Each structure stands twice: as C-alpha cells, then as structure tokens.
Amino acid sequence: MTTGTRPPPFPEHPTWGNIGIWSDSLLDALETCNADKQAIEALERRRLNRQNGGGHAEK
C-alpha cells in the first residue's frame, strides 16, 4: 500500500490509438493510488479508535 505506483511509460511512437490505451492505463494507476489511500485511512481510523477505547470506526 505504501509503495509507489509507477505511471505507465509514454508510448515511444504516439498515435491516437495508443494514447487512448496509455490514458486508460494512467487512470488505472490513479485508481490504484486512491484505493491505497482509502485503505490506509481506514486502518488509521481503526487504530485511533482503538487508542481512544472505542469500537469500530468504519465509514
């Protein structure tokens, strides 16, 4: 979760077709980063809730 998500390499010979595929791969990388952030935030909420003596702190 905390390791970097590398962006896909830009096409060596850009065309309209492979730019579209590259853009889709770029969005996939962004979604992976966002999912990792959400998971880390959920773990942090649980940790803080346990520290404060509460039950589950899920959204």
PDB file of N, CA and C in Angstrom:
ATOM      1  N   MET A   1       0.805  -1.199   0.000  1.00  0.00           N
ATOM      2  CA  MET A   1       0.000   0.000   0.000  1.00  0.00           C
ATOM      3  C   MET A   1       0.848   1.262   0.000  1.00  0.00           C
ATOM      4  N   THR A   2       2.012   1.205   0.600  1.00  0.00           N
ATOM      5  CA  THR A   2       2.792   2.435   0.706  1.00  0.00           C
ATOM      6  C   THR A   2       3.882   2.534  -0.357  1.00  0.00           C
ATOM      7  N   THR A   3       4.012   1.516  -1.189  1.00  0.00           N
ATOM      8  CA  THR A   3       4.993   1.618  -2.268  1.00  0.00           C
ATOM      9  C   THR A   3       4.418   2.460  -3.396  1.00  0.00           C
ATOM     10  N   GLY A   4       5.275   3.101  -4.112  1.00  0.00           N
ATOM     11  CA  GLY A   4       4.834   3.971  -5.197  1.00  0.00           C
ATOM     12  C   GLY A   4       4.156   3.202  -6.321  1.00  0.00           C
ATOM     13  N   THR A   5       3.203   3.847  -6.946  1.00  0.00           N
ATOM     14  CA  THR A   5       2.556   3.287  -8.124  1.00  0.00           C
ATOM     15  C   THR A   5       3.156   3.988  -9.326  1.00  0.00           C
ATOM     16  N   ARG A   6       3.876   3.237 -10.120  1.00  0.00           N
ATOM     17  CA  ARG A   6       4.561   3.833 -11.262  1.00  0.00           C
ATOM     18  C   ARG A   6       3.577   4.084 -12.398  1.00  0.00           C
ATOM     19  N   PRO A   7       3.665   5.250 -13.008  1.00  0.00           N
ATOM     20  CA  PRO A   7       2.802   5.511 -14.159  1.00  0.00           C
ATOM     21  C   PRO A   7       3.258   4.668 -15.347  1.00  0.00           C
ATOM     22  N   PRO A   8       2.338   4.361 -16.241  1.00  0.00           N
ATOM     23  CA  PRO A   8       2.747   3.596 -17.422  1.00  0.00           C
ATOM     24  C   PRO A   8       3.674   4.444 -18.292  1.00  0.00           C
ATOM     25  N   PRO A   9       4.615   3.803 -18.961  1.00  0.00           N
ATOM     26  CA  PRO A   9       5.522   4.584 -19.810  1.00  0.00           C
ATOM     27  C   PRO A   9       4.769   5.181 -21.000  1.00  0.00           C
ATOM     28  N   PHE A  10       5.162   6.374 -21.368  1.00  0.00           N
ATOM     29  CA  PHE A  10       4.555   7.032 -22.522  1.00  0.00           C
ATOM     30  C   PHE A  10       4.966   6.268 -23.779  1.00  0.00           C
ATOM     31  N   PRO A  11       4.047   6.092 -24.712  1.00  0.00           N
ATOM     32  CA  PRO A  11       4.382   5.341 -25.934  1.00  0.00           C
ATOM     33  C   PRO A  11       5.580   5.954 -26.676  1.00  0.00           C
ATOM     34  N   GLU A  12       6.446   5.084 -27.150  1.00  0.00           N
ATOM     35  CA  GLU A  12       7.627   5.544 -27.880  1.00  0.00           C
ATOM     36  C   GLU A  12       7.231   6.249 -29.183  1.00  0.00           C
ATOM     37  N   HIS A  13       6.227   5.707 -29.845  1.00  0.00           N
ATOM     38  CA  HIS A  13       5.719   6.304 -31.089  1.00  0.00           C
ATOM     39  C   HIS A  13       4.233   6.584 -30.893  1.00  0.00           C
ATOM     40  N   PRO A  14       3.896   7.766 -30.347  1.00  0.00           N
ATOM     41  CA  PRO A  14       2.499   8.057 -30.028  1.00  0.00           C
ATOM     42  C   PRO A  14       1.598   8.085 -31.272  1.00  0.00           C
ATOM     43  N   THR A  15       0.458   7.437 -31.125  1.00  0.00           N
ATOM     44  CA  THR A  15      -0.605   7.503 -32.126  1.00  0.00           C
ATOM     45  C   THR A  15      -1.892   7.766 -31.363  1.00  0.00           C
ATOM     46  N   TRP A  16      -2.945   8.140 -32.074  1.00  0.00           N
ATOM     47  CA  TRP A  16      -4.219   8.362 -31.389  1.00  0.00           C
ATOM     48  C   TRP A  16      -4.659   7.100 -30.659  1.00  0.00           C
ATOM     49  N   GLY A  17      -4.445   5.953 -31.258  1.00  0.00           N
ATOM     50  CA  GLY A  17      -4.871   4.698 -30.632  1.00  0.00           C
ATOM     51  C   GLY A  17      -4.110   4.370 -29.363  1.00  0.00           C
ATOM     52  N   ASN A  18      -2.771   4.426 -29.431  1.00  0.00           N
ATOM     53  CA  ASN A  18      -2.032   4.025 -28.228  1.00  0.00           C
ATOM     54  C   ASN A  18      -2.033   5.108 -27.155  1.00  0.00           C
ATOM     55  N   ILE A  19      -2.334   6.361 -27.519  1.00  0.00           N
ATOM     56  CA  ILE A  19      -2.505   7.402 -26.494  1.00  0.00           C
ATOM     57  C   ILE A  19      -3.763   7.108 -25.674  1.00  0.00           C
ATOM     58  N   GLY A  20      -4.817   6.634 -26.345  1.00  0.00           N
ATOM     59  CA  GLY A  20      -6.040   6.250 -25.626  1.00  0.00           C
ATOM     60  C   GLY A  20      -5.785   5.112 -24.656  1.00  0.00           C
ATOM     61  N   ILE A  21      -5.040   4.113 -25.094  1.00  0.00           N
ATOM     62  CA  ILE A  21      -4.694   2.978 -24.228  1.00  0.00           C
ATOM     63  C   ILE A  21      -3.821   3.456 -23.073  1.00  0.00           C
ATOM     64  N   TRP A  22      -2.847   4.332 -23.371  1.00  0.00           N
ATOM     65  CA  TRP A  22      -1.974   4.869 -22.328  1.00  0.00           C
ATOM     66  C   TRP A  22      -2.784   5.655 -21.295  1.00  0.00           C
ATOM     67  N   SER A  23      -3.743   6.464 -21.773  1.00  0.00           N
ATOM     68  CA  SER A  23      -4.587   7.247 -20.860  1.00  0.00           C
ATOM     69  C   SER A  23      -5.388   6.340 -19.940  1.00  0.00           C
ATOM     70  N   ASP A  24      -5.900   5.243 -20.477  1.00  0.00           N
ATOM     71  CA  ASP A  24      -6.649   4.286 -19.664  1.00  0.00           C
ATOM     72  C   ASP A  24      -5.741   3.665 -18.603  1.00  0.00           C
ATOM     73  N   SER A  25      -4.516   3.330 -18.986  1.00  0.00           N
ATOM     74  CA  SER A  25      -3.552   2.780 -18.022  1.00  0.00           C
ATOM     75  C   SER A  25      -3.201   3.802 -16.952  1.00  0.00           C
ATOM     76  N   LEU A  26      -3.121   5.064 -17.343  1.00  0.00           N
ATOM     77  CA  LEU A  26      -2.838   6.134 -16.390  1.00  0.00           C
ATOM     78  C   LEU A  26      -3.966   6.253 -15.367  1.00  0.00           C
ATOM     79  N   LEU A  27      -5.214   6.160 -15.830  1.00  0.00           N
ATOM     80  CA  LEU A  27      -6.358   6.195 -14.911  1.00  0.00           C
ATOM     81  C   LEU A  27      -6.352   4.991 -13.979  1.00  0.00           C
ATOM     82  N   ASP A  28      -5.967   3.815 -14.486  1.00  0.00           N
ATOM     83  CA  ASP A  28      -5.861   2.631 -13.629  1.00  0.00           C
ATOM     84  C   ASP A  28      -4.847   2.859 -12.513  1.00  0.00           C
ATOM     85  N   ALA A  29      -3.708   3.472 -12.846  1.00  0.00           N
ATOM     86  CA  ALA A  29      -2.685   3.757 -11.834  1.00  0.00           C
ATOM     87  C   ALA A  29      -3.217   4.731 -10.786  1.00  0.00           C
ATOM     88  N   LEU A  30      -3.961   5.741 -11.223  1.00  0.00           N
ATOM     89  CA  LEU A  30      -4.549   6.708 -10.295  1.00  0.00           C
ATOM     90  C   LEU A  30      -5.566   6.032  -9.380  1.00  0.00           C
ATOM     91  N   GLU A  31      -6.393   5.155  -9.935  1.00  0.00           N
ATOM     92  CA  GLU A  31      -7.375   4.432  -9.122  1.00  0.00           C
ATOM     93  C   GLU A  31      -6.685   3.551  -8.086  1.00  0.00           C
ATOM     94  N   THR A  32      -5.562   2.945  -8.458  1.00  0.00           N
ATOM     95  CA  THR A  32      -4.797   2.133  -7.511  1.00  0.00           C
ATOM     96  C   THR A  32      -4.288   2.995  -6.362  1.00  0.00           C
ATOM     97  N   CYS A  33      -3.762   4.171  -6.685  1.00  0.00           N
ATOM     98  CA  CYS A  33      -3.278   5.089  -5.642  1.00  0.00           C
ATOM     99  C   CYS A  33      -4.410   5.495  -4.705  1.00  0.00           C
ATOM    100  N   ASN A  34      -5.560   5.828  -5.272  1.00  0.00           N
ATOM    101  CA  ASN A  34      -6.696   6.249  -4.454  1.00  0.00           C
ATOM    102  C   ASN A  34      -7.193   5.116  -3.570  1.00  0.00           C
ATOM    103  N   ALA A  35      -7.224   3.895  -4.082  1.00  0.00           N
ATOM    104  CA  ALA A  35      -7.649   2.749  -3.273  1.00  0.00           C
ATOM    105  C   ALA A  35      -6.672   2.525  -2.122  1.00  0.00           C
ATOM    106  N   ASP A  36      -5.374   2.667  -2.398  1.00  0.00           N
ATOM    107  CA  ASP A  36      -4.372   2.520  -1.342  1.00  0.00           C
ATOM    108  C   ASP A  36      -4.561   3.578  -0.260  1.00  0.00           C
ATOM    109  N   LYS A  37      -4.815   4.813  -0.662  1.00  0.00           N
ATOM    110  CA  LYS A  37      -5.035   5.888   0.312  1.00  0.00           C
ATOM    111  C   LYS A  37      -6.258   5.601   1.173  1.00  0.00           C
ATOM    112  N   GLN A  38      -7.330   5.132   0.555  1.00  0.00           N
ATOM    113  CA  GLN A  38      -8.545   4.814   1.310  1.00  0.00           C
ATOM    114  C   GLN A  38      -8.279   3.702   2.317  1.00  0.00           C
ATOM    115  N   ALA A  39      -7.517   2.693   1.913  1.00  0.00           N
ATOM    116  CA  ALA A  39      -7.205   1.593   2.824  1.00  0.00           C
ATOM    117  C   ALA A  39      -6.355   2.081   3.995  1.00  0.00           C
ATOM    118  N   ILE A  40      -5.382   2.923   3.727  1.00  0.00           N
ATOM    119  CA  ILE A  40      -4.532   3.464   4.792  1.00  0.00           C
ATOM    120  C   ILE A  40      -5.361   4.320   5.745  1.00  0.00           C
ATOM    121  N   GLU A  41      -6.257   5.142   5.202  1.00  0.00           N
ATOM    122  CA  GLU A  41      -7.118   5.975   6.048  1.00  0.00           C
ATOM    123  C   GLU A  41      -8.017   5.116   6.931  1.00  0.00           C
ATOM    124  N   ALA A  42      -8.561   4.034   6.387  1.00  0.00           N
ATOM    125  CA  ALA A  42      -9.419   3.145   7.179  1.00  0.00           C
ATOM    126  C   ALA A  42      -8.623   2.493   8.305  1.00  0.00           C
ATOM    127  N   LEU A  43      -7.409   2.047   8.009  1.00  0.00           N
ATOM    128  CA  LEU A  43      -6.566   1.456   9.052  1.00  0.00           C
ATOM    129  C   LEU A  43      -6.232   2.479  10.132  1.00  0.00           C
ATOM    130  N   GLU A  44      -5.951   3.695   9.722  1.00  0.00           N
ATOM    131  CA  GLU A  44      -5.624   4.749  10.687  1.00  0.00           C
ATOM    132  C   GLU A  44      -6.828   5.077  11.567  1.00  0.00           C
ATOM    133  N   ARG A  45      -8.028   5.128  10.981  1.00  0.00           N
ATOM    134  CA  ARG A  45      -9.241   5.370  11.782  1.00  0.00           C
ATOM    135  C   ARG A  45      -9.432   4.261  12.814  1.00  0.00           C
ATOM    136  N   ARG A  46      -9.232   3.016  12.391  1.00  0.00           N
ATOM    137  CA  ARG A  46      -9.376   1.890  13.335  1.00  0.00           C
ATOM    138  C   ARG A  46      -8.351   1.981  14.451  1.00  0.00           C
ATOM    139  N   ARG A  47      -7.104   2.325  14.089  1.00  0.00           N
ATOM    140  CA  ARG A  47      -6.049   2.434  15.096  1.00  0.00           C
ATOM    141  C   ARG A  47      -6.381   3.530  16.101  1.00  0.00           C
ATOM    142  N   LEU A  48      -6.809   4.691  15.607  1.00  0.00           N
ATOM    143  CA  LEU A  48      -7.147   5.795  16.504  1.00  0.00           C
ATOM    144  C   LEU A  48      -8.350   5.451  17.377  1.00  0.00           C
ATOM    145  N   ASN A  49      -9.304   4.754  16.815  1.00  0.00           N
ATOM    146  CA  ASN A  49     -10.485   4.374  17.578  1.00  0.00           C
ATOM    147  C   ASN A  49     -10.117   3.396  18.698  1.00  0.00           C
ATOM    148  N   ARG A  50      -9.233   2.449  18.394  1.00  0.00           N
ATOM    149  CA  ARG A  50      -8.779   1.509  19.439  1.00  0.00           C
ATOM    150  C   ARG A  50      -8.013   2.253  20.525  1.00  0.00           C
ATOM    151  N   GLN A  51      -7.194   3.226  20.114  1.00  0.00           N
ATOM    152  CA  GLN A  51      -6.430   4.023  21.072  1.00  0.00           C
ATOM    153  C   GLN A  51      -7.353   4.787  22.008  1.00  0.00           C
ATOM    154  N   ASN A  52      -8.474   5.240  21.479  1.00  0.00           N
ATOM    155  CA  ASN A  52      -9.424   6.022  22.267  1.00  0.00           C
ATOM    156  C   ASN A  52     -10.444   5.149  22.982  1.00  0.00           C
ATOM    157  N   GLY A  53     -10.290   3.832  22.893  1.00  0.00           N
ATOM    158  CA  GLY A  53     -11.164   2.919  23.620  1.00  0.00           C
ATOM    159  C   GLY A  53     -12.515   2.679  22.978  1.00  0.00           C
ATOM    160  N   GLY A  54     -12.661   3.009  21.721  1.00  0.00           N
ATOM    161  CA  GLY A  54     -13.943   2.824  21.044  1.00  0.00           C
ATOM    162  C   GLY A  54     -14.042   1.474  20.370  1.00  0.00           C
ATOM    163  N   GLY A  55     -15.167   1.267  19.728  1.00  0.00           N
ATOM    164  CA  GLY A  55     -15.387   0.045  18.957  1.00  0.00           C
ATOM    165  C   GLY A  55     -14.852   0.215  17.555  1.00  0.00           C
ATOM    166  N   HIS A  56     -15.691  -0.091  16.574  1.00  0.00           N
ATOM    167  CA  HIS A  56     -15.279   0.029  15.174  1.00  0.00           C
ATOM    168  C   HIS A  56     -15.555   1.443  14.672  1.00  0.00           C
ATOM    169  N   ALA A  57     -14.623   1.960  13.894  1.00  0.00           N
ATOM    170  CA  ALA A  57     -14.794   3.300  13.312  1.00  0.00           C
ATOM    171  C   ALA A  57     -14.749   3.190  11.800  1.00  0.00           C
ATOM    172  N   GLU A  58     -15.772   2.618  11.222  1.00  0.00           N
ATOM    173  CA  GLU A  58     -15.794   2.426   9.780  1.00  0.00           C
ATOM    174  C   GLU A  58     -16.762   3.390   9.155  1.00  0.00           C
ATOM    175  N   LYS A  59     -16.439   3.821   7.955  1.00  0.00           N
ATOM    176  CA  LYS A  59     -17.328   4.719   7.207  1.00  0.00           C
ATOM    177  C   LYS A  59     -18.306   3.910   6.412  1.00  0.00           C
TER     178      LYS A  59
END
